[in-house]
Protein backbone atom coordinates (compact mmCIF):
# COMPACT_ATOMS: atom_id res chain seq x y z
CA UNK A 1 1.20 16.23 -33.18
CA UNK A 2 -0.52 13.16 -31.81
CA UNK A 3 -3.84 12.06 -33.26
CA UNK A 4 -7.11 13.64 -32.14
CA UNK A 5 -8.28 10.25 -30.94
CA UNK A 6 -5.22 9.87 -28.73
CA UNK A 7 -5.54 13.43 -27.44
CA UNK A 8 -8.90 12.49 -25.91
CA UNK A 9 -7.54 9.22 -24.53
CA UNK A 10 -4.53 10.91 -22.94
CA UNK A 11 -6.77 13.54 -21.37
CA UNK A 12 -8.98 10.83 -19.87
CA UNK A 13 -6.16 8.46 -18.95
CA UNK A 14 -6.78 5.76 -16.37
CA UNK A 15 -7.80 7.10 -12.97
CA UNK A 16 -6.62 3.87 -11.37
CA UNK A 17 -3.13 4.05 -12.83
CA UNK A 18 -2.83 7.73 -11.93
CA UNK A 19 -3.85 6.97 -8.35
CA UNK A 20 -1.35 4.13 -8.17
CA UNK A 21 1.43 6.52 -9.17
CA UNK A 22 0.17 9.07 -6.65
CA UNK A 23 0.31 6.40 -3.98
CA UNK A 24 3.99 5.84 -4.63
CA UNK A 25 4.65 9.57 -4.22
CA UNK A 26 2.68 9.65 -0.96
CA UNK A 27 4.64 6.65 0.31
CA UNK A 28 7.90 8.52 -0.32
CA UNK A 29 6.51 11.53 1.55
CA UNK A 30 4.82 9.89 4.56
CA UNK A 31 6.38 6.44 4.61
CA UNK A 32 4.86 3.38 2.95
CA UNK A 33 3.50 2.08 6.26
CA UNK A 34 1.42 5.25 6.65
CA UNK A 35 -0.27 5.17 3.23
CA UNK A 36 -3.21 2.84 2.63
CA UNK A 37 -3.31 2.15 -1.08
CA UNK A 38 -6.44 0.29 -2.19
CA UNK A 39 -6.26 1.54 -5.78
CA UNK A 40 -4.81 -1.24 -7.93
CA UNK A 41 -5.94 -4.83 -8.38
CA UNK A 42 -2.39 -6.16 -8.22
CA UNK A 43 -2.36 -9.69 -6.70
CA UNK A 44 -0.73 -9.87 -3.27
CA UNK A 45 -0.34 -13.65 -3.24
CA UNK A 46 2.88 -15.03 -4.70
CA UNK A 47 2.60 -17.29 -7.76
CA UNK A 48 2.35 -20.97 -6.84
CA UNK A 49 5.64 -22.85 -6.43
CA UNK A 50 4.68 -24.94 -9.44
CA UNK A 51 5.06 -21.86 -11.66
CA UNK A 52 8.64 -21.27 -10.54
CA UNK A 53 9.47 -24.96 -10.97
CA UNK A 54 7.93 -25.02 -14.45
CA UNK A 55 10.00 -22.00 -15.53
CA UNK A 56 13.22 -23.56 -14.24
CA UNK A 57 12.47 -26.93 -15.82
CA UNK A 58 11.62 -25.40 -19.18
CA UNK A 59 14.65 -23.10 -19.45
CA UNK A 60 17.08 -25.78 -18.28
CA UNK A 61 15.72 -28.81 -20.12
CA UNK A 62 14.17 -27.61 -23.38
CA UNK A 63 15.80 -26.37 -26.56
CA UNK A 64 16.13 -22.55 -26.34
CA UNK A 65 15.11 -22.24 -29.99
CA UNK A 66 11.86 -24.01 -29.18
CA UNK A 67 11.26 -21.97 -26.03
CA UNK A 68 11.77 -18.57 -27.60
CA UNK A 69 10.78 -19.10 -31.21
CA UNK A 70 7.66 -18.32 -33.20
CA UNK A 71 4.74 -20.67 -33.30
CA UNK A 72 1.26 -20.66 -34.82
CA UNK A 73 -0.52 -17.37 -34.07
CA UNK A 74 -3.02 -19.39 -32.03
CA UNK A 75 -0.28 -20.62 -29.70
CA UNK A 76 1.36 -23.96 -28.98
CA UNK A 77 -1.00 -26.77 -29.85
CA UNK A 78 -0.01 -28.88 -26.84
CA UNK A 79 -0.80 -25.99 -24.47
CA UNK A 80 -4.16 -25.32 -26.07
CA UNK A 81 -4.93 -29.04 -25.76
CA UNK A 82 -4.13 -29.00 -22.03
CA UNK A 83 -6.43 -26.01 -21.54
CA UNK A 84 -9.24 -27.63 -23.53
CA UNK A 85 -8.94 -30.88 -21.55
CA UNK A 86 -9.00 -28.94 -18.27
CA UNK A 87 -12.10 -26.95 -19.24
CA UNK A 88 -13.89 -30.07 -20.44
CA UNK A 89 -13.18 -31.84 -17.17
CA UNK A 90 -14.32 -28.90 -15.03
CA UNK A 91 -17.35 -27.70 -16.98
CA UNK A 92 -18.50 -30.75 -18.97
CA UNK A 93 -17.74 -29.07 -22.29
CA UNK A 94 -16.30 -30.54 -25.48
CA UNK A 95 -13.56 -28.13 -26.57
CA UNK A 96 -10.59 -29.05 -28.72
CA UNK A 97 -7.40 -27.23 -29.64
CA UNK A 98 -9.26 -25.54 -32.50
CA UNK A 99 -11.45 -23.68 -29.98
CA UNK A 100 -8.57 -22.12 -27.98
CA UNK A 101 -6.50 -19.07 -28.94
CA UNK A 102 -3.63 -18.07 -26.65
CA UNK A 103 -3.60 -14.32 -26.02
CA UNK A 104 -1.56 -11.55 -24.42
CA UNK A 105 -3.70 -11.55 -21.29
CA UNK A 106 -7.45 -11.06 -21.14
CA UNK A 107 -7.05 -7.47 -22.34
CA UNK A 108 -5.26 -8.63 -25.46
CA UNK A 109 -7.92 -11.28 -25.98
CA UNK A 110 -10.75 -8.75 -25.73
CA UNK A 111 -9.06 -6.53 -28.27
CA UNK A 112 -8.57 -9.48 -30.60
CA UNK A 113 -12.22 -10.51 -30.49
CA UNK A 114 -13.54 -6.95 -30.76
CA UNK A 115 -11.27 -6.36 -33.77
CA UNK A 116 -12.67 -9.59 -35.21
CA UNK A 117 -16.34 -8.72 -34.70
CA UNK A 118 -16.89 -4.97 -34.91
CA UNK A 119 -17.71 -2.75 -37.85
CA UNK A 120 -17.70 1.03 -37.31
CA UNK A 121 -20.88 2.04 -35.51
CA UNK A 122 -21.61 -1.42 -34.09
CA UNK A 123 -22.82 -1.35 -30.50
CA UNK A 124 -21.35 -3.20 -27.53
CA UNK A 125 -23.44 -3.35 -24.36
CA UNK A 126 -21.92 -3.36 -20.86
CA UNK A 127 -23.48 -3.36 -17.41
CA UNK A 128 -22.55 -0.59 -14.99
CA UNK A 129 -20.44 -0.72 -12.98
CA UNK A 130 -17.89 -2.06 -15.46
CA UNK A 131 -14.13 -2.19 -16.00
CA UNK A 132 -13.41 1.22 -17.48
CA UNK A 133 -11.02 -0.01 -20.15
CA UNK A 134 -13.95 -1.64 -21.99
CA UNK A 135 -14.79 1.82 -23.27
CA UNK A 136 -11.32 2.21 -24.76
CA UNK A 137 -11.25 -1.28 -26.22
CA UNK A 138 -14.55 -0.71 -28.04
CA UNK A 139 -13.43 2.74 -29.17
CA UNK A 140 -10.28 1.18 -30.65
CA UNK A 141 -12.47 -0.33 -33.40
CA UNK A 142 -14.91 2.57 -33.80
CA UNK A 143 -17.68 0.79 -31.94
CA UNK A 144 -20.20 2.48 -29.64
CA UNK A 145 -20.37 1.49 -25.99
CA UNK A 146 -23.93 1.25 -24.64
CA UNK A 147 -24.09 1.33 -20.84
CA UNK A 148 -26.90 -0.33 -18.91
CA UNK A 149 -27.49 1.60 -15.67
CA UNK A 150 -26.81 -0.30 -12.44
CA UNK A 151 -29.12 -1.99 -10.00
CA UNK A 152 -27.43 -0.60 -6.90
CA UNK A 153 -29.36 -2.87 -4.54
CA UNK A 154 -27.72 -6.07 -5.80
CA UNK A 155 -25.29 -4.97 -8.54
CA UNK A 156 -26.56 -7.84 -10.64
CA UNK A 157 -27.27 -6.94 -14.30
CA UNK A 158 -30.26 -4.66 -14.70
CA UNK A 159 -32.06 -6.92 -17.15
CA UNK A 160 -35.11 -4.74 -17.70
CA UNK A 161 -32.92 -1.85 -18.84
CA UNK A 162 -30.78 -4.28 -20.81
CA UNK A 163 -33.74 -5.49 -22.86
CA UNK A 164 -34.58 -1.88 -23.71
CA UNK A 165 -31.09 -1.18 -25.05
CA UNK A 166 -30.58 -4.07 -27.47
CA UNK A 167 -30.99 -2.91 -31.06
CA UNK A 168 -30.28 -4.04 -34.60
CA UNK A 169 -26.83 -2.43 -34.14
CA UNK A 170 -25.94 -4.57 -31.11
CA UNK A 171 -23.00 -6.82 -31.99
CA UNK A 172 -21.79 -7.91 -28.58
CA UNK A 173 -22.51 -7.86 -24.86
CA UNK A 174 -19.64 -7.95 -22.34
CA UNK A 175 -20.13 -9.47 -18.90
CA UNK A 176 -17.58 -9.82 -16.12
CA UNK A 177 -18.29 -12.29 -13.31
CA UNK A 178 -16.94 -12.36 -10.63
CA UNK A 179 -17.24 -8.66 -11.18
CA UNK A 180 -14.74 -5.83 -11.10
CA UNK A 181 -15.49 -3.54 -9.21
CA UNK A 182 -18.28 -5.08 -7.07
CA UNK A 183 -17.12 -8.63 -6.41
CA UNK A 184 -20.63 -9.84 -7.29
CA UNK A 185 -20.98 -13.27 -8.93
CA UNK A 186 -23.83 -13.54 -11.45
CA UNK A 187 -26.15 -16.37 -10.47
CA UNK A 188 -27.24 -19.13 -12.83
CA UNK A 189 -30.77 -17.71 -12.89
CA UNK A 190 -29.39 -14.30 -13.88
CA UNK A 191 -27.35 -15.84 -16.69
CA UNK A 192 -30.35 -17.81 -17.96
CA UNK A 193 -32.52 -14.68 -17.98
CA UNK A 194 -29.77 -12.73 -19.77
CA UNK A 195 -29.44 -15.47 -22.38
CA UNK A 196 -33.19 -15.55 -22.97
CA UNK A 197 -33.24 -11.82 -23.69
CA UNK A 198 -30.35 -12.20 -26.13
CA UNK A 199 -31.93 -15.14 -27.94
CA UNK A 200 -35.16 -13.17 -28.38
CA UNK A 201 -33.21 -10.17 -29.70
CA UNK A 202 -31.37 -12.33 -32.24
CA UNK A 203 -34.68 -13.69 -33.49
CA UNK A 204 -36.26 -10.23 -33.58
CA UNK A 205 -33.47 -8.54 -35.53
CA UNK A 206 -32.20 -11.54 -37.51
CA UNK A 207 -28.64 -10.86 -36.35
CA UNK A 208 -25.91 -12.61 -34.40
CA UNK A 209 -25.27 -11.08 -30.98
CA UNK A 210 -22.17 -12.37 -29.21
CA UNK A 211 -21.81 -12.67 -25.46
CA UNK A 212 -18.22 -11.95 -24.42
CA UNK A 213 -17.48 -13.31 -20.95
CA UNK A 214 -14.44 -11.59 -19.43
CA UNK A 215 -13.25 -14.02 -16.73
CA UNK A 216 -9.93 -13.03 -15.10
CA UNK A 217 -11.45 -13.63 -11.64
CA UNK A 218 -13.11 -16.99 -12.37
CA UNK A 219 -11.11 -18.86 -9.71
CA UNK A 220 -11.59 -16.20 -7.02
CA UNK A 221 -14.96 -17.14 -5.48
CA UNK A 222 -15.74 -17.52 -1.77
CA UNK A 223 -18.09 -19.38 0.55
CA UNK A 224 -18.61 -22.19 -1.95
CA UNK A 225 -20.20 -19.89 -4.54
CA UNK A 226 -20.35 -21.45 -8.02
CA UNK A 227 -19.34 -19.30 -11.00
CA UNK A 228 -21.45 -20.38 -14.02
CA UNK A 229 -19.52 -21.18 -17.21
CA UNK A 230 -21.44 -19.17 -19.78
CA UNK A 231 -20.97 -21.24 -22.94
CA UNK A 232 -23.45 -23.71 -21.43
CA UNK A 233 -26.25 -21.12 -21.42
CA UNK A 234 -25.85 -19.17 -24.66
CA UNK A 235 -24.43 -20.60 -27.88
CA UNK A 236 -22.86 -17.37 -29.18
CA UNK A 237 -20.58 -17.03 -26.14
CA UNK A 238 -16.86 -16.24 -26.35
CA UNK A 239 -14.78 -16.53 -23.18
CA UNK A 240 -11.73 -14.42 -22.39
CA UNK A 241 -9.48 -15.66 -19.59
CA UNK A 242 -6.31 -14.45 -17.93
CA UNK A 243 -3.83 -15.99 -15.50
CA UNK A 244 -3.05 -12.56 -14.04
CA UNK A 245 -5.20 -13.13 -10.96
CA UNK A 246 -5.44 -16.91 -10.62
CA UNK A 247 -1.67 -17.54 -10.84
CA UNK A 248 -0.64 -14.00 -9.78
CA UNK A 249 1.05 -13.26 -13.12
CA UNK A 250 -0.33 -9.83 -14.12
CA UNK A 251 2.93 -8.59 -15.62
CA UNK A 252 3.45 -11.68 -17.76
CA UNK A 253 0.36 -11.05 -19.94
CA UNK A 254 -0.86 -14.55 -20.63
CA UNK A 255 -4.41 -15.74 -21.25
CA UNK A 256 -6.66 -17.27 -23.86
CA UNK A 257 -9.92 -17.00 -25.79
CA UNK A 258 -12.44 -19.82 -26.03
CA UNK A 259 -14.43 -19.77 -29.28
CA UNK A 260 -16.87 -22.70 -29.18
CA UNK A 261 -17.89 -24.50 -32.34
CA UNK A 262 -21.52 -23.46 -31.75
CA UNK A 263 -20.73 -19.82 -32.62
CA UNK A 264 -22.44 -18.39 -35.67
CA UNK A 265 -19.77 -18.15 -38.40
CA UNK A 266 -17.33 -20.04 -36.18
CA UNK A 267 -14.76 -20.84 -38.89
CA UNK A 268 -14.60 -17.23 -40.07
CA UNK A 269 -14.33 -15.93 -36.50
CA UNK A 270 -11.49 -18.30 -35.58
CA UNK A 271 -9.56 -17.45 -38.74
CA UNK A 272 -10.13 -13.72 -38.30
CA UNK A 273 -9.10 -13.85 -34.62
CA UNK A 274 -5.82 -15.48 -35.61
CA UNK A 275 -5.22 -12.70 -38.11
CA UNK A 276 -6.24 -10.05 -35.57
CA UNK A 277 -3.78 -11.49 -33.06
CA UNK A 278 -1.04 -10.88 -35.61
CA UNK A 279 -2.01 -7.53 -37.09
CA UNK A 280 -2.67 -5.92 -33.71
CA UNK A 281 1.03 -6.48 -33.05
CA UNK A 282 0.71 -9.28 -30.52
CA UNK A 283 1.73 -11.91 -33.14
CA UNK A 284 1.44 -14.61 -30.49
CA UNK A 285 1.17 -14.91 -26.71
CA UNK A 286 4.53 -15.02 -24.83
CA UNK A 287 6.10 -18.35 -25.71
CA UNK A 288 7.77 -19.20 -22.40
CA UNK A 289 4.64 -18.42 -20.42
CA UNK A 290 2.54 -20.54 -22.76
CA UNK A 291 4.73 -23.49 -21.89
CA UNK A 292 4.48 -22.65 -18.19
CA UNK A 293 0.69 -22.62 -18.41
CA UNK A 294 0.78 -25.99 -20.14
CA UNK A 295 2.42 -27.42 -17.01
CA UNK A 296 0.33 -25.44 -14.49
CA UNK A 297 -3.15 -25.37 -16.00
CA UNK A 298 -4.66 -27.39 -13.13
CA UNK A 299 -2.54 -26.05 -10.28
CA UNK A 300 -4.85 -25.34 -7.32
CA UNK A 301 -4.78 -21.82 -5.94
CA UNK A 302 -5.07 -20.75 -2.32
CA UNK A 303 -7.34 -17.73 -1.91
CA UNK A 304 -7.56 -17.90 1.89
CA UNK A 305 -5.53 -14.69 2.23
CA UNK A 306 -7.96 -12.78 0.03
CA UNK A 307 -10.89 -14.32 1.91
CA UNK A 308 -9.47 -13.22 5.26
CA UNK A 309 -8.97 -9.69 3.93
CA UNK A 310 -12.52 -9.69 2.51
CA UNK A 311 -14.18 -10.74 5.74
CA UNK A 312 -12.16 -8.44 7.99
CA UNK A 313 -12.55 -5.36 5.80
CA UNK A 314 -16.25 -5.92 5.14
CA UNK A 315 -17.00 -6.33 8.84
CA UNK A 316 -14.81 -3.42 9.93
CA UNK A 317 -16.22 -0.98 7.37
CA UNK A 318 -19.78 -2.05 8.13
CA UNK A 319 -19.18 -1.18 11.78
CA UNK A 320 -17.90 2.23 10.65
CA UNK A 321 -21.19 2.91 8.86
CA UNK A 322 -20.14 2.19 5.28
CA UNK A 323 -22.69 0.50 2.98
CA UNK A 324 -21.75 -2.15 0.42
CA UNK A 325 -22.84 -5.46 -1.08
CA UNK A 326 -20.74 -8.25 0.42
CA UNK A 327 -18.51 -9.54 -2.40
CA UNK A 328 -18.71 -13.19 -3.39
CA UNK A 329 -15.66 -13.15 -5.65
CA UNK A 330 -12.68 -11.21 -7.07
CA UNK A 331 -10.86 -8.99 -4.54
CA UNK A 332 -12.81 -5.74 -4.49
CA UNK A 333 -15.28 -3.91 -2.25
CA UNK A 334 -17.56 -1.33 -3.83
CA UNK A 335 -18.70 0.99 -1.07
CA UNK A 336 -21.22 3.79 -1.15
CA UNK A 337 -19.61 7.20 -0.73
CA UNK A 338 -20.94 9.50 1.98
CA UNK A 339 -21.70 12.10 -0.69
CA UNK A 340 -22.93 12.00 -4.28
CA UNK A 341 -19.61 13.32 -5.63
CA UNK A 342 -17.43 10.22 -5.47
CA UNK A 343 -14.40 12.12 -6.80
CA UNK A 344 -14.67 14.66 -3.97
CA UNK A 345 -15.09 11.78 -1.52
CA UNK A 346 -11.92 10.14 -2.84
CA UNK A 347 -10.06 13.42 -2.45
CA UNK A 348 -11.18 13.68 1.17
CA UNK A 349 -10.02 10.10 1.69
CA UNK A 350 -6.52 11.12 0.59
CA UNK A 351 -6.33 13.48 3.57
CA UNK A 352 -6.48 10.32 5.67
CA UNK A 353 -3.93 8.68 3.34
CA UNK A 354 -6.54 6.37 1.88
CA UNK A 355 -6.40 5.77 -1.87
CA UNK A 356 -9.86 4.75 -3.13
CA UNK A 357 -10.91 4.69 -6.79
CA UNK A 358 -14.00 6.79 -7.65
CA UNK A 359 -16.94 4.73 -8.90
CA UNK A 360 -17.38 7.11 -11.83
CA UNK A 361 -14.30 5.39 -13.34
CA UNK A 362 -16.55 2.31 -13.56
CA UNK A 363 -19.64 4.13 -14.85
CA UNK A 364 -21.23 4.23 -11.39
CA UNK A 365 -20.87 7.58 -9.58
CA UNK A 366 -21.52 7.82 -5.88
CA UNK A 367 -19.39 4.79 -4.99
CA UNK A 368 -15.70 4.00 -4.54
CA UNK A 369 -13.74 0.81 -5.15
CA UNK A 370 -11.28 -0.77 -2.74
CA UNK A 371 -8.91 -3.50 -3.91
CA UNK A 372 -8.24 -5.70 -0.88
CA UNK A 373 -5.46 -7.69 -2.54
CA UNK A 374 -3.11 -6.01 -0.07
CA UNK A 375 -1.21 -6.84 3.09
CA UNK A 376 -3.50 -7.87 5.98
CA UNK A 377 -1.58 -5.69 8.44
CA UNK A 378 -2.10 -2.68 6.17
CA UNK A 379 -5.83 -3.29 6.27
CA UNK A 380 -5.79 -3.36 10.07
CA UNK A 381 -3.69 -0.18 10.23
CA UNK A 382 -6.08 1.58 7.83
CA UNK A 383 -9.27 1.18 9.89
CA UNK A 384 -8.69 4.31 12.04
CA UNK A 385 -8.39 6.30 8.80
CA UNK A 386 -11.72 4.92 7.57
CA UNK A 387 -13.24 5.82 10.93
CA UNK A 388 -11.85 9.36 10.71
CA UNK A 389 -13.18 9.74 7.16
CA UNK A 390 -16.65 8.64 8.25
CA UNK A 391 -16.59 11.12 11.13
CA UNK A 392 -16.13 13.97 8.67
CA UNK A 393 -19.67 13.25 7.52
CA UNK A 394 -21.26 12.01 10.75
CA UNK A 395 -19.93 14.05 13.64
């Protein structure tokens, strides 16, 4: 018998992953060119050439025992130094190697920091819509997820509702900008207002409340939009980063945590995070990929393909009568369903061979998410299906 906790998790397994598997079955049945799978945020841009070159150089020139061996649980010091130098140059910060912990992707990093911070019953606040796995990550450590309802006009954080939900049990707040699933980038004014509320709550309750900034889409911003770096606005900020999207390496599971020296109880947190990295079974981030990142940390990325997809799909769906906030980052559109039941809407979409993720998977019913990190020709071929779906509601 599996555990009761896992029984519930299996029963409520990822809608996105299930839809991805369903898409493969539909492709076998109808032909891949006739199925329009917008379900999974799997990068469609190849990794930069510099990544391939770095891998070849490392495996051919370096000692295999060094490449594949253990290292400090925090990761290779020289790689952490390169990351710190890069961040300092970009964001005018002052990080050193001691502030960087290499992780098994952003997901691994979030689990490490939540393991480090949470006691049973502690509360973690998120803003709907949010990446659904946050619920599972918090549940892993017997925390309670507190969901702030969405502002569906802008999909920026609903700060009035946020202020009403902070309590003496609040241990952390997770934000994700550019946002999955909306593509919204939180403005500097929004971040400042969020920080002010958190500072006041810390003073009121006499506690430390940590802001966890989940940033796998940091580099994916369009039209010159600036993505604020949150450690500059709130001292108790911890940043989780992944190279899954920026370098198109989702299967390699490589990222890092930034734990600034300004954190309350910084030394204890850094030490505990190192231990958490080990006892959660990660031990350390993948060694070869750490070395690759050390050589590619400042490699520029070309997001023009995503931008073209974004503009075309937004314009085409708007002409079809769909409503959405135009995304400023990431590679998602979050469109309003033509009925309140977003699951039923997604099922109707399947009749037109469209795979769209229900917004209820992100804590925001009545909407669906499209991942436009797909082939441009597929997007163009899919528009008649979107038109046909709309006509089911507006004949």
